[in-house]
Amino acid sequence: MNASSILTTAVATFVLASAAPAFAHNTGDKVTPVFEQAIPNIPGKTLTSLIVDYQPGQASVPHIHTKTGFVFAYVISGEIESKVNDEPARIYKAGESWSEPPGATHSISRNASKTKPARLLAVFIADTGDKELTRYLK
């Protein structure tokens, strides 16, 4: 799968988001799984995408992503403040994106606004069968 195919899948994921069931996990955000597909030409890897909705001022609990997965994040609406590993914290606006290496520590992930909601698309490429894509830090 090339970069164009991944981007096409990510866009399709966004379109499907409104039809997927949502679940909340008491971390300050609402996560909606929207797509999961084994990647045919990369044996053992699966593409999984999620929509993360933040109400004004909400944040995710600090977390670590799976050691088997690469993450692509795209801000759909609003502004998201993010800090990954030792990089400085940064605010990403709608239309901006970043990536996270396998096993990344995501110490800050929050809505940068106290008055407007924000929405993020997260796309993981990880080992097939790896169901713990995110582990929350205590």
C-alpha atoms as a PDB file:
ATOM      1  CA  MET A   1       0.000   0.000   0.000  1.00  0.00           C
ATOM      2  CA  ASN A   2       1.517   3.339  -1.011  1.00  0.00           C
ATOM      3  CA  ALA A   3       1.063   6.763   0.622  1.00  0.00           C
ATOM      4  CA  SER A   4      -1.736   7.664  -1.807  1.00  0.00           C
ATOM      5  CA  SER A   5      -3.681   4.527  -0.885  1.00  0.00           C
ATOM      6  CA  ILE A   6      -3.232   5.220   2.833  1.00  0.00           C
ATOM      7  CA  LEU A   7      -4.478   8.790   2.401  1.00  0.00           C
ATOM      8  CA  THR A   8      -7.452   7.580   0.346  1.00  0.00           C
ATOM      9  CA  THR A   9      -8.288   5.089   3.106  1.00  0.00           C
ATOM     10  CA  ALA A  10      -7.999   7.824   5.731  1.00  0.00           C
ATOM     11  CA  VAL A  11     -10.416  10.061   3.818  1.00  0.00           C
ATOM     12  CA  ALA A  12     -12.844   7.162   3.382  1.00  0.00           C
ATOM     13  CA  THR A  13     -12.573   6.528   7.099  1.00  0.00           C
ATOM     14  CA  PHE A  14     -13.632  10.094   7.830  1.00  0.00           C
ATOM     15  CA  VAL A  15     -16.669   9.706   5.575  1.00  0.00           C
ATOM     16  CA  LEU A  16     -17.655   6.507   7.396  1.00  0.00           C
ATOM     17  CA  ALA A  17     -17.230   8.055  10.852  1.00  0.00           C
ATOM     18  CA  SER A  18     -20.777   9.280  11.219  1.00  0.00           C
ATOM     19  CA  ALA A  19     -22.175   5.776  10.697  1.00  0.00           C
ATOM     20  CA  ALA A  20     -19.939   3.974  13.236  1.00  0.00           C
ATOM     21  CA  PRO A  21     -20.896   3.262  16.844  1.00  0.00           C
ATOM     22  CA  ALA A  22     -19.137   5.377  19.454  1.00  0.00           C
ATOM     23  CA  PHE A  23     -17.792   4.454  22.833  1.00  0.00           C
ATOM     24  CA  ALA A  24     -16.482   6.541  25.687  1.00  0.00           C
ATOM     25  CA  HIS A  25     -13.724   5.417  27.994  1.00  0.00           C
ATOM     26  CA  ASN A  26     -13.666   8.127  30.659  1.00  0.00           C
ATOM     27  CA  THR A  27     -10.435   9.671  29.437  1.00  0.00           C
ATOM     28  CA  GLY A  28     -11.822  13.093  28.531  1.00  0.00           C
ATOM     29  CA  ASP A  29     -12.437  12.234  24.899  1.00  0.00           C
ATOM     30  CA  LYS A  30     -14.870  10.151  22.839  1.00  0.00           C
ATOM     31  CA  VAL A  31     -13.306   7.570  20.554  1.00  0.00           C
ATOM     32  CA  THR A  32     -15.227   6.146  17.603  1.00  0.00           C
ATOM     33  CA  PRO A  33     -13.689   3.180  15.770  1.00  0.00           C
ATOM     34  CA  VAL A  34     -14.475   3.547  12.085  1.00  0.00           C
ATOM     35  CA  PHE A  35     -12.353   1.203  10.009  1.00  0.00           C
ATOM     36  CA  GLU A  36     -10.179  -1.898  10.326  1.00  0.00           C
ATOM     37  CA  GLN A  37      -8.685  -3.796   7.406  1.00  0.00           C
ATOM     38  CA  ALA A  38      -5.783  -6.177   6.979  1.00  0.00           C
ATOM     39  CA  ILE A  39      -3.317  -4.733   4.461  1.00  0.00           C
ATOM     40  CA  PRO A  40      -3.133  -7.335   1.667  1.00  0.00           C
ATOM     41  CA  ASN A  41       0.357  -6.510   0.422  1.00  0.00           C
ATOM     42  CA  ILE A  42       1.906  -6.136   3.901  1.00  0.00           C
ATOM     43  CA  PRO A  43       1.346  -9.538   5.514  1.00  0.00           C
ATOM     44  CA  GLY A  44       0.713  -9.371   9.241  1.00  0.00           C
ATOM     45  CA  LYS A  45      -0.240  -5.660   9.275  1.00  0.00           C
ATOM     46  CA  THR A  46      -3.677  -4.063   9.745  1.00  0.00           C
ATOM     47  CA  LEU A  47      -4.844  -0.489   9.204  1.00  0.00           C
ATOM     48  CA  THR A  48      -7.175   0.749  11.957  1.00  0.00           C
ATOM     49  CA  SER A  49      -8.692   4.208  12.146  1.00  0.00           C
ATOM     50  CA  LEU A  50     -10.493   6.066  14.910  1.00  0.00           C
ATOM     51  CA  ILE A  51     -12.176   9.428  15.290  1.00  0.00           C
ATOM     52  CA  VAL A  52     -11.362  11.209  18.558  1.00  0.00           C
ATOM     53  CA  ASP A  53     -13.802  13.933  19.620  1.00  0.00           C
ATOM     54  CA  TYR A  54     -12.884  16.449  22.311  1.00  0.00           C
ATOM     55  CA  GLN A  55     -15.344  18.801  23.942  1.00  0.00           C
ATOM     56  CA  PRO A  56     -13.976  22.256  24.816  1.00  0.00           C
ATOM     57  CA  GLY A  57     -11.079  21.950  27.252  1.00  0.00           C
ATOM     58  CA  GLN A  58     -11.061  18.119  27.259  1.00  0.00           C
ATOM     59  CA  ALA A  59      -7.897  16.018  27.118  1.00  0.00           C
ATOM     60  CA  SER A  60      -6.905  12.384  26.717  1.00  0.00           C
ATOM     61  CA  VAL A  61      -5.136  10.604  29.533  1.00  0.00           C
ATOM     62  CA  PRO A  62      -1.372  10.359  28.793  1.00  0.00           C
ATOM     63  CA  HIS A  63      -0.756   7.109  26.943  1.00  0.00           C
ATOM     64  CA  ILE A  64       1.688   4.922  25.024  1.00  0.00           C
ATOM     65  CA  HIS A  65       0.915   3.494  21.595  1.00  0.00           C
ATOM     66  CA  THR A  66       1.671  -0.100  20.674  1.00  0.00           C
ATOM     67  CA  LYS A  67       5.259  -0.998  19.827  1.00  0.00           C
ATOM     68  CA  THR A  68       4.002  -2.657  16.641  1.00  0.00           C
ATOM     69  CA  GLY A  69       2.224   0.395  15.240  1.00  0.00           C
ATOM     70  CA  PHE A  70       2.863   3.571  13.312  1.00  0.00           C
ATOM     71  CA  VAL A  71       0.307   6.360  13.878  1.00  0.00           C
ATOM     72  CA  PHE A  72      -0.850   9.110  11.500  1.00  0.00           C
ATOM     73  CA  ALA A  73      -2.978  11.872  13.064  1.00  0.00           C
ATOM     74  CA  TYR A  74      -5.043  14.452  11.140  1.00  0.00           C
ATOM     75  CA  VAL A  75      -6.998  17.312  12.724  1.00  0.00           C
ATOM     76  CA  ILE A  76     -10.456  17.351  11.156  1.00  0.00           C
ATOM     77  CA  SER A  77     -11.787  20.368  13.053  1.00  0.00           C
ATOM     78  CA  GLY A  78     -10.727  22.698  15.828  1.00  0.00           C
ATOM     79  CA  GLU A  79      -7.235  22.747  17.305  1.00  0.00           C
ATOM     80  CA  ILE A  80      -5.409  19.907  19.073  1.00  0.00           C
ATOM     81  CA  GLU A  81      -2.394  20.342  21.341  1.00  0.00           C
ATOM     82  CA  SER A  82      -0.088  17.329  21.129  1.00  0.00           C
ATOM     83  CA  LYS A  83       3.233  16.287  22.659  1.00  0.00           C
ATOM     84  CA  VAL A  84       4.864  13.051  21.524  1.00  0.00           C
ATOM     85  CA  ASN A  85       8.030  11.644  23.102  1.00  0.00           C
ATOM     86  CA  ASP A  86      10.647  14.353  23.705  1.00  0.00           C
ATOM     87  CA  GLU A  87       9.325  16.687  21.006  1.00  0.00           C
ATOM     88  CA  PRO A  88       7.975  20.066  22.148  1.00  0.00           C
ATOM     89  CA  ALA A  89       4.210  20.433  22.552  1.00  0.00           C
ATOM     90  CA  ARG A  90       2.562  21.883  19.462  1.00  0.00           C
ATOM     91  CA  ILE A  91      -0.913  23.057  18.503  1.00  0.00           C
ATOM     92  CA  TYR A  92      -2.230  21.597  15.232  1.00  0.00           C
ATOM     93  CA  LYS A  93      -5.114  23.286  13.421  1.00  0.00           C
ATOM     94  CA  ALA A  94      -7.751  21.749  11.162  1.00  0.00           C
ATOM     95  CA  GLY A  95      -6.061  20.339   8.057  1.00  0.00           C
ATOM     96  CA  GLU A  96      -2.707  19.755   9.771  1.00  0.00           C
ATOM     97  CA  SER A  97      -1.229  16.356  10.627  1.00  0.00           C
ATOM     98  CA  TRP A  98       1.633  14.556  12.313  1.00  0.00           C
ATOM     99  CA  SER A  99       2.947  11.034  12.743  1.00  0.00           C
ATOM    100  CA  GLU A 100       4.071   9.009  15.734  1.00  0.00           C
ATOM    101  CA  PRO A 101       6.654   6.209  15.685  1.00  0.00           C
ATOM    102  CA  PRO A 102       5.927   2.767  17.136  1.00  0.00           C
ATOM    103  CA  GLY A 103       5.844   2.773  20.937  1.00  0.00           C
ATOM    104  CA  ALA A 104       5.482   6.558  21.148  1.00  0.00           C
ATOM    105  CA  THR A 105       4.592   8.183  24.462  1.00  0.00           C
ATOM    106  CA  HIS A 106       1.788  10.686  23.961  1.00  0.00           C
ATOM    107  CA  SER A 107       1.959  12.817  27.108  1.00  0.00           C
ATOM    108  CA  ILE A 108      -0.335  15.609  25.839  1.00  0.00           C
ATOM    109  CA  SER A 109      -3.346  15.206  23.561  1.00  0.00           C
ATOM    110  CA  ARG A 110      -6.073  17.759  24.167  1.00  0.00           C
ATOM    111  CA  ASN A 111      -8.443  20.278  22.713  1.00  0.00           C
ATOM    112  CA  ALA A 112      -6.535  23.566  22.635  1.00  0.00           C
ATOM    113  CA  SER A 113      -9.803  25.529  22.915  1.00  0.00           C
ATOM    114  CA  LYS A 114     -11.877  26.091  26.036  1.00  0.00           C
ATOM    115  CA  THR A 115     -14.893  27.145  23.923  1.00  0.00           C
ATOM    116  CA  LYS A 116     -15.009  25.017  20.716  1.00  0.00           C
ATOM    117  CA  PRO A 117     -14.969  21.239  20.131  1.00  0.00           C
ATOM    118  CA  ALA A 118     -12.163  19.514  18.203  1.00  0.00           C
ATOM    119  CA  ARG A 119     -12.025  16.321  16.137  1.00  0.00           C
ATOM    120  CA  LEU A 120      -9.053  14.147  15.216  1.00  0.00           C
ATOM    121  CA  LEU A 121      -8.599  11.204  12.836  1.00  0.00           C
ATOM    122  CA  ALA A 122      -6.040   8.658  14.107  1.00  0.00           C
ATOM    123  CA  VAL A 123      -4.826   5.973  11.703  1.00  0.00           C
ATOM    124  CA  PHE A 124      -2.761   3.062  13.031  1.00  0.00           C
ATOM    125  CA  ILE A 125      -0.752   0.561  11.012  1.00  0.00           C
ATOM    126  CA  ALA A 126       0.044  -2.230  13.466  1.00  0.00           C
ATOM    127  CA  ASP A 127       0.462  -5.968  13.737  1.00  0.00           C
ATOM    128  CA  THR A 128      -2.711  -7.852  12.892  1.00  0.00           C
ATOM    129  CA  GLY A 129      -4.253  -9.086  16.113  1.00  0.00           C
ATOM    130  CA  ASP A 130      -2.682  -6.304  18.216  1.00  0.00           C
ATOM    131  CA  LYS A 131      -5.853  -5.086  19.951  1.00  0.00           C
ATOM    132  CA  GLU A 132      -4.144  -2.911  22.584  1.00  0.00           C
ATOM    133  CA  LEU A 133      -3.207   0.009  20.337  1.00  0.00           C
ATOM    134  CA  THR A 134      -3.157   2.400  23.307  1.00  0.00           C
ATOM    135  CA  ARG A 135      -2.105   1.760  26.913  1.00  0.00           C
ATOM    136  CA  TYR A 136      -2.975   4.477  29.424  1.00  0.00           C
ATOM    137  CA  LEU A 137      -0.307   5.719  31.837  1.00  0.00           C
ATOM    138  CA  LYS A 138      -1.082   5.905  35.531  1.00  0.00           C
END
